Amino acid sequence: MLKRTFTDHPASVGETYAEHLAMASGFGVAMILGGLACLVHGLLPFLFVKTGSRTIDRLHHRMFTHRVRPHRAPPVAAE
């Protein structure tokens, strides 16, 4: 039961627990760095002009357009 708590969601996106930990941690670090760049940009608008938007684009690409999803059979229609 406890093991499923840690493995169900990663499996639902086609990853092991360790793969999901690495992916989520990478996203978190990128979001923190991109956010810090945005804060600096707010104070000094000539710095990090495109860093925030590039970070968002890169993360979106990794999460939605580039990710390999596990194959799932289409649902069977009830007769």
Protein backbone atom coordinates (compact mmCIF):
# COMPACT_ATOMS: atom_id res chain seq x y z
CA MET A 1 0.00 0.00 0.00
CA LEU A 2 2.70 2.49 0.99
CA LYS A 3 4.78 1.64 -2.08
CA ARG A 4 1.81 2.44 -4.36
CA THR A 5 1.66 5.91 -2.81
CA PHE A 6 5.09 6.59 -4.30
CA THR A 7 4.74 4.70 -7.58
CA ASP A 8 1.18 5.18 -8.90
CA HIS A 9 1.58 8.73 -10.19
CA PRO A 10 5.05 8.21 -11.73
CA ALA A 11 3.73 5.09 -13.47
CA SER A 12 0.76 7.06 -14.81
CA VAL A 13 3.19 9.31 -16.71
CA GLY A 14 5.43 6.45 -17.84
CA GLU A 15 8.23 6.91 -15.31
CA THR A 16 9.74 5.03 -12.42
CA TYR A 17 9.90 6.70 -9.02
CA ALA A 18 13.57 7.62 -9.56
CA GLU A 19 12.92 8.97 -13.06
CA HIS A 20 10.01 11.04 -11.77
CA LEU A 21 12.11 12.37 -8.88
CA ALA A 22 14.83 13.46 -11.30
CA MET A 23 12.35 15.03 -13.74
CA ALA A 24 10.36 16.88 -11.08
CA SER A 25 13.53 18.09 -9.36
CA GLY A 26 14.88 19.38 -12.68
CA PHE A 27 11.62 21.23 -13.30
CA GLY A 28 11.71 22.70 -9.81
CA VAL A 29 15.26 23.99 -10.15
CA ALA A 30 14.51 25.47 -13.59
CA MET A 31 11.40 27.19 -12.22
CA ILE A 32 13.31 28.66 -9.26
CA LEU A 33 16.12 29.95 -11.50
CA GLY A 34 13.65 31.32 -14.06
CA GLY A 35 11.69 33.02 -11.27
CA LEU A 36 14.83 34.60 -9.84
CA ALA A 37 15.74 35.86 -13.31
CA CYS A 38 12.25 37.41 -13.57
CA LEU A 39 12.68 39.16 -10.22
CA VAL A 40 16.04 40.58 -11.27
CA HIS A 41 14.53 41.59 -14.62
CA GLY A 42 11.80 43.49 -12.77
CA LEU A 43 14.42 45.56 -10.98
CA LEU A 44 16.87 45.82 -13.86
CA PRO A 45 14.81 45.51 -17.07
CA PHE A 46 17.87 45.33 -19.30
CA LEU A 47 18.92 42.00 -17.73
CA PHE A 48 17.37 38.58 -18.39
CA VAL A 49 15.03 40.03 -21.02
CA LYS A 50 13.97 36.65 -22.44
CA THR A 51 15.05 34.25 -19.69
CA GLY A 52 11.62 33.83 -18.08
CA SER A 53 9.76 33.20 -21.33
CA ARG A 54 12.49 30.84 -22.60
CA THR A 55 12.31 28.89 -19.33
CA ILE A 56 8.54 28.52 -19.67
CA ASP A 57 8.82 27.47 -23.33
CA ARG A 58 11.52 24.89 -22.53
CA LEU A 59 9.57 23.42 -19.61
CA HIS A 60 6.35 23.29 -21.64
CA HIS A 61 8.19 21.49 -24.45
CA ARG A 62 9.66 18.96 -22.01
CA MET A 63 6.38 18.34 -20.23
CA PHE A 64 3.81 18.30 -23.03
CA THR A 65 5.25 18.15 -26.52
CA HIS A 66 8.43 16.12 -26.08
CA ARG A 67 7.44 13.64 -23.37
CA VAL A 68 6.85 10.03 -24.33
CA ARG A 69 3.58 8.83 -22.80
CA PRO A 70 2.88 5.18 -22.12
CA HIS A 71 0.59 3.55 -24.67
CA ARG A 72 -2.93 3.12 -23.39
CA ALA A 73 -5.63 1.14 -25.10
CA PRO A 74 -8.70 3.20 -26.00
CA PRO A 75 -11.67 2.67 -23.68
CA VAL A 76 -14.13 0.01 -24.77
CA ALA A 77 -17.61 1.39 -25.45
CA ALA A 78 -20.42 -0.28 -23.52
CA GLU A 79 -23.05 -1.92 -25.71
